[in-house]
Amino acid sequence: MSAADDDERRLVPFLEALGAVTATSGTLGYLLGEVYATLIGSRMGAVVASGQNFDTVLQACRAILDHTEHELNGDLRAALDRAKSLYEVRNEAVHGVWLDYELDDDSHERTSFRPRRWRPRVEPRRWTVEELRRLARDMEESSERIFELMKRYVGEADDWLPN
């Protein structure tokens, strides 16, 4: 086996796990836009939300929940907070700079860092394939939790998701 084949063999599981993170985060972002549209009572909310970043839409949802009364507001707020924390970790993985040279024959870890304009130095983070897979699973579970809460919030899923 060539060195390039060996590098590819070691890289593929990371890329698959990172792909799962991006796929599940896309679902979570879409779902958040649907929550926003439902909370403002207009399908146009999903159109507006689709052009915004995750945190902007999440904060708008929280603001609406803060000014409305519903028995599920507390549960929904907690589910949105969980989604936010997962999305912040997702951003580190998806927007990070991955360092290939940190992967050696004995390691199942890779290192990434996320440069930020307001931080004078970057802080690398070690990731395992399992950590990335767990993040993807956690984001999927977060989406499912929000989906179930919204079904209860409006009565039926068909009342709030598009055809």
C-alpha atoms as a PDB file:
ATOM      1  CA  MET A   1       0.000   0.000   0.000  1.00  0.00           C
ATOM      2  CA  SER A   2       1.384   3.405  -0.939  1.00  0.00           C
ATOM      3  CA  ALA A   3       1.750   6.266   1.519  1.00  0.00           C
ATOM      4  CA  ALA A   4      -1.001   8.144  -0.339  1.00  0.00           C
ATOM      5  CA  ASP A   5      -3.359   5.155  -0.043  1.00  0.00           C
ATOM      6  CA  ASP A   6      -2.567   4.880   3.640  1.00  0.00           C
ATOM      7  CA  ASP A   7      -3.220   8.609   4.167  1.00  0.00           C
ATOM      8  CA  GLU A   8      -6.544   8.290   2.341  1.00  0.00           C
ATOM      9  CA  ARG A   9      -7.531   5.237   4.390  1.00  0.00           C
ATOM     10  CA  ARG A  10      -6.929   7.202   7.593  1.00  0.00           C
ATOM     11  CA  LEU A  11      -8.630  10.348   6.302  1.00  0.00           C
ATOM     12  CA  VAL A  12     -11.882   8.819   4.994  1.00  0.00           C
ATOM     13  CA  PRO A  13     -13.488   8.112   8.414  1.00  0.00           C
ATOM     14  CA  PHE A  14     -12.885  11.731   9.467  1.00  0.00           C
ATOM     15  CA  LEU A  15     -14.398  13.074   6.283  1.00  0.00           C
ATOM     16  CA  GLU A  16     -17.417  10.780   6.614  1.00  0.00           C
ATOM     17  CA  ALA A  17     -17.961  11.859  10.213  1.00  0.00           C
ATOM     18  CA  LEU A  18     -17.510  15.532   9.320  1.00  0.00           C
ATOM     19  CA  GLY A  19     -19.997  15.044   6.478  1.00  0.00           C
ATOM     20  CA  ALA A  20     -22.508  13.635   8.963  1.00  0.00           C
ATOM     21  CA  VAL A  21     -22.037  16.753  11.096  1.00  0.00           C
ATOM     22  CA  THR A  22     -22.741  19.032   8.138  1.00  0.00           C
ATOM     23  CA  ALA A  23     -25.775  16.999   7.051  1.00  0.00           C
ATOM     24  CA  THR A  24     -27.382  16.953  10.491  1.00  0.00           C
ATOM     25  CA  SER A  25     -26.627  20.634  11.022  1.00  0.00           C
ATOM     26  CA  GLY A  26     -28.405  21.418   7.757  1.00  0.00           C
ATOM     27  CA  THR A  27     -31.490  19.646   9.049  1.00  0.00           C
ATOM     28  CA  LEU A  28     -31.278  21.500  12.347  1.00  0.00           C
ATOM     29  CA  GLY A  29     -30.912  24.859  10.582  1.00  0.00           C
ATOM     30  CA  TYR A  30     -33.870  24.147   8.313  1.00  0.00           C
ATOM     31  CA  LEU A  31     -35.991  23.074  11.271  1.00  0.00           C
ATOM     32  CA  LEU A  32     -35.112  26.250  13.159  1.00  0.00           C
ATOM     33  CA  GLY A  33     -36.411  28.320  10.243  1.00  0.00           C
ATOM     34  CA  GLU A  34     -39.665  26.378  10.376  1.00  0.00           C
ATOM     35  CA  VAL A  35     -39.922  27.019  14.121  1.00  0.00           C
ATOM     36  CA  TYR A  36     -39.441  30.732  13.479  1.00  0.00           C
ATOM     37  CA  ALA A  37     -42.129  30.750  10.765  1.00  0.00           C
ATOM     38  CA  THR A  38     -44.526  28.981  13.097  1.00  0.00           C
ATOM     39  CA  LEU A  39     -43.859  31.311  16.007  1.00  0.00           C
ATOM     40  CA  ILE A  40     -44.484  34.440  13.928  1.00  0.00           C
ATOM     41  CA  GLY A  41     -47.495  32.820  12.283  1.00  0.00           C
ATOM     42  CA  SER A  42     -46.390  33.254   8.680  1.00  0.00           C
ATOM     43  CA  ARG A  43     -44.874  30.965   6.060  1.00  0.00           C
ATOM     44  CA  MET A  44     -42.817  33.983   5.001  1.00  0.00           C
ATOM     45  CA  GLY A  45     -40.872  33.542   8.224  1.00  0.00           C
ATOM     46  CA  ALA A  46     -39.154  30.514   6.695  1.00  0.00           C
ATOM     47  CA  VAL A  47     -38.147  32.653   3.708  1.00  0.00           C
ATOM     48  CA  VAL A  48     -36.707  35.338   5.969  1.00  0.00           C
ATOM     49  CA  ALA A  49     -34.979  32.772   8.185  1.00  0.00           C
ATOM     50  CA  SER A  50     -33.319  31.025   5.243  1.00  0.00           C
ATOM     51  CA  GLY A  51     -31.114  34.065   4.644  1.00  0.00           C
ATOM     52  CA  GLN A  52     -29.968  34.411   8.252  1.00  0.00           C
ATOM     53  CA  ASN A  53     -27.330  32.642  10.281  1.00  0.00           C
ATOM     54  CA  PHE A  54     -28.323  30.064  12.861  1.00  0.00           C
ATOM     55  CA  ASP A  55     -27.799  32.258  15.920  1.00  0.00           C
ATOM     56  CA  THR A  56     -29.808  35.166  14.497  1.00  0.00           C
ATOM     57  CA  VAL A  57     -32.822  32.941  13.869  1.00  0.00           C
ATOM     58  CA  LEU A  58     -32.425  31.241  17.232  1.00  0.00           C
ATOM     59  CA  GLN A  59     -32.330  34.583  19.061  1.00  0.00           C
ATOM     60  CA  ALA A  60     -35.446  35.705  17.186  1.00  0.00           C
ATOM     61  CA  CYS A  61     -37.232  32.528  18.280  1.00  0.00           C
ATOM     62  CA  ARG A  62     -36.162  33.096  21.873  1.00  0.00           C
ATOM     63  CA  ALA A  63     -37.417  36.689  21.752  1.00  0.00           C
ATOM     64  CA  ILE A  64     -40.813  35.511  20.523  1.00  0.00           C
ATOM     65  CA  LEU A  65     -40.966  32.865  23.251  1.00  0.00           C
ATOM     66  CA  ASP A  66     -40.101  35.529  25.835  1.00  0.00           C
ATOM     67  CA  HIS A  67     -43.129  37.583  24.746  1.00  0.00           C
ATOM     68  CA  THR A  68     -45.713  34.846  24.349  1.00  0.00           C
ATOM     69  CA  GLU A  69     -47.336  32.401  26.695  1.00  0.00           C
ATOM     70  CA  HIS A  70     -47.538  28.710  25.966  1.00  0.00           C
ATOM     71  CA  GLU A  71     -47.116  25.756  28.277  1.00  0.00           C
ATOM     72  CA  LEU A  72     -44.244  24.424  26.140  1.00  0.00           C
ATOM     73  CA  ASN A  73     -42.227  27.659  25.954  1.00  0.00           C
ATOM     74  CA  GLY A  74     -39.824  26.528  28.677  1.00  0.00           C
ATOM     75  CA  ASP A  75     -39.234  23.138  27.060  1.00  0.00           C
ATOM     76  CA  LEU A  76     -38.814  24.719  23.637  1.00  0.00           C
ATOM     77  CA  ARG A  77     -36.409  27.324  25.000  1.00  0.00           C
ATOM     78  CA  ALA A  78     -34.323  24.557  26.615  1.00  0.00           C
ATOM     79  CA  ALA A  79     -34.302  22.576  23.349  1.00  0.00           C
ATOM     80  CA  LEU A  80     -33.197  25.687  21.440  1.00  0.00           C
ATOM     81  CA  ASP A  81     -30.428  26.318  23.987  1.00  0.00           C
ATOM     82  CA  ARG A  82     -29.206  22.746  23.478  1.00  0.00           C
ATOM     83  CA  ALA A  83     -29.285  23.239  19.702  1.00  0.00           C
ATOM     84  CA  LYS A  84     -27.279  26.446  20.057  1.00  0.00           C
ATOM     85  CA  SER A  85     -24.542  24.790  22.104  1.00  0.00           C
ATOM     86  CA  LEU A  86     -24.301  21.928  19.606  1.00  0.00           C
ATOM     87  CA  TYR A  87     -24.195  24.357  16.698  1.00  0.00           C
ATOM     88  CA  GLU A  88     -21.312  26.239  18.303  1.00  0.00           C
ATOM     89  CA  VAL A  89     -19.325  22.995  18.496  1.00  0.00           C
ATOM     90  CA  ARG A  90     -20.373  22.238  14.916  1.00  0.00           C
ATOM     91  CA  ASN A  91     -18.952  25.581  13.825  1.00  0.00           C
ATOM     92  CA  GLU A  92     -15.577  24.667  15.293  1.00  0.00           C
ATOM     93  CA  ALA A  93     -15.527  21.464  13.269  1.00  0.00           C
ATOM     94  CA  VAL A  94     -17.029  22.716  10.014  1.00  0.00           C
ATOM     95  CA  HIS A  95     -15.257  26.077   9.863  1.00  0.00           C
ATOM     96  CA  GLY A  96     -12.010  24.901  11.393  1.00  0.00           C
ATOM     97  CA  VAL A  97      -8.702  24.520   9.639  1.00  0.00           C
ATOM     98  CA  TRP A  98      -7.794  20.828   9.705  1.00  0.00           C
ATOM     99  CA  LEU A  99      -4.177  19.846  10.088  1.00  0.00           C
ATOM    100  CA  ASP A 100      -3.302  16.649   8.210  1.00  0.00           C
ATOM    101  CA  TYR A 101       0.145  16.361   9.698  1.00  0.00           C
ATOM    102  CA  GLU A 102      -1.330  15.746  13.159  1.00  0.00           C
ATOM    103  CA  LEU A 103      -2.549  12.317  12.069  1.00  0.00           C
ATOM    104  CA  ASP A 104       0.107   9.666  12.493  1.00  0.00           C
ATOM    105  CA  ASP A 105       0.047   5.893  12.346  1.00  0.00           C
ATOM    106  CA  ASP A 106      -0.822   5.478  16.015  1.00  0.00           C
ATOM    107  CA  SER A 107      -3.451   8.217  16.308  1.00  0.00           C
ATOM    108  CA  HIS A 108      -7.143   8.230  15.589  1.00  0.00           C
ATOM    109  CA  GLU A 109      -7.298  11.948  16.240  1.00  0.00           C
ATOM    110  CA  ARG A 110      -6.964  15.010  14.089  1.00  0.00           C
ATOM    111  CA  THR A 111      -6.427  18.611  15.059  1.00  0.00           C
ATOM    112  CA  SER A 112      -8.297  21.642  13.851  1.00  0.00           C
ATOM    113  CA  PHE A 113      -8.325  25.276  14.827  1.00  0.00           C
ATOM    114  CA  ARG A 114     -10.699  28.098  14.061  1.00  0.00           C
ATOM    115  CA  PRO A 115      -9.030  31.459  13.500  1.00  0.00           C
ATOM    116  CA  ARG A 116     -11.056  34.366  14.858  1.00  0.00           C
ATOM    117  CA  ARG A 117     -10.484  38.048  14.142  1.00  0.00           C
ATOM    118  CA  TRP A 118     -10.973  39.030  17.760  1.00  0.00           C
ATOM    119  CA  ARG A 119      -8.595  36.431  19.249  1.00  0.00           C
ATOM    120  CA  PRO A 120      -4.862  37.112  19.061  1.00  0.00           C
ATOM    121  CA  ARG A 121      -4.014  33.398  18.970  1.00  0.00           C
ATOM    122  CA  VAL A 122      -5.740  30.257  17.877  1.00  0.00           C
ATOM    123  CA  GLU A 123      -6.424  27.311  20.124  1.00  0.00           C
ATOM    124  CA  PRO A 124      -6.176  23.918  18.434  1.00  0.00           C
ATOM    125  CA  ARG A 125      -8.716  21.253  19.231  1.00  0.00           C
ATOM    126  CA  ARG A 126      -8.178  17.512  18.994  1.00  0.00           C
ATOM    127  CA  TRP A 127     -11.064  15.570  17.446  1.00  0.00           C
ATOM    128  CA  THR A 128     -11.679  11.869  17.196  1.00  0.00           C
ATOM    129  CA  VAL A 129     -13.922  10.279  14.612  1.00  0.00           C
ATOM    130  CA  GLU A 130     -16.192   9.170  17.441  1.00  0.00           C
ATOM    131  CA  GLU A 131     -16.499  12.750  18.753  1.00  0.00           C
ATOM    132  CA  LEU A 132     -17.601  13.935  15.330  1.00  0.00           C
ATOM    133  CA  ARG A 133     -20.060  11.050  15.009  1.00  0.00           C
ATOM    134  CA  ARG A 134     -21.424  11.808  18.480  1.00  0.00           C
ATOM    135  CA  LEU A 135     -21.869  15.468  17.536  1.00  0.00           C
ATOM    136  CA  ALA A 136     -23.826  14.415  14.445  1.00  0.00           C
ATOM    137  CA  ARG A 137     -26.004  12.072  16.539  1.00  0.00           C
ATOM    138  CA  ASP A 138     -26.562  14.763  19.177  1.00  0.00           C
ATOM    139  CA  MET A 139     -27.605  17.267  16.514  1.00  0.00           C
ATOM    140  CA  GLU A 140     -29.998  14.715  15.028  1.00  0.00           C
ATOM    141  CA  GLU A 141     -31.483  14.089  18.480  1.00  0.00           C
ATOM    142  CA  SER A 142     -31.779  17.840  19.013  1.00  0.00           C
ATOM    143  CA  SER A 143     -33.719  18.163  15.752  1.00  0.00           C
ATOM    144  CA  GLU A 144     -35.995  15.301  16.787  1.00  0.00           C
ATOM    145  CA  ARG A 145     -36.639  16.929  20.177  1.00  0.00           C
ATOM    146  CA  ILE A 146     -37.525  20.270  18.594  1.00  0.00           C
ATOM    147  CA  PHE A 147     -39.703  18.531  16.009  1.00  0.00           C
ATOM    148  CA  GLU A 148     -41.626  16.646  18.700  1.00  0.00           C
ATOM    149  CA  LEU A 149     -42.082  19.796  20.786  1.00  0.00           C
ATOM    150  CA  MET A 150     -43.369  21.716  17.778  1.00  0.00           C
ATOM    151  CA  LYS A 151     -45.846  18.937  16.965  1.00  0.00           C
ATOM    152  CA  ARG A 152     -47.222  19.375  20.476  1.00  0.00           C
ATOM    153  CA  TYR A 153     -46.981  23.177  20.213  1.00  0.00           C
ATOM    154  CA  VAL A 154     -49.258  23.374  17.160  1.00  0.00           C
ATOM    155  CA  GLY A 155     -51.107  20.092  17.453  1.00  0.00           C
ATOM    156  CA  GLU A 156     -49.940  18.279  14.307  1.00  0.00           C
ATOM    157  CA  ALA A 157     -46.721  18.285  12.303  1.00  0.00           C
ATOM    158  CA  ASP A 158     -48.678  18.818   9.083  1.00  0.00           C
ATOM    159  CA  ASP A 159     -49.828  22.171  10.452  1.00  0.00           C
ATOM    160  CA  TRP A 160     -46.352  23.611  10.485  1.00  0.00           C
ATOM    161  CA  LEU A 161     -44.095  21.832   8.015  1.00  0.00           C
ATOM    162  CA  PRO A 162     -44.355  22.623   4.302  1.00  0.00           C
ATOM    163  CA  ASN A 163     -45.658  20.068   1.805  1.00  0.00           C
END
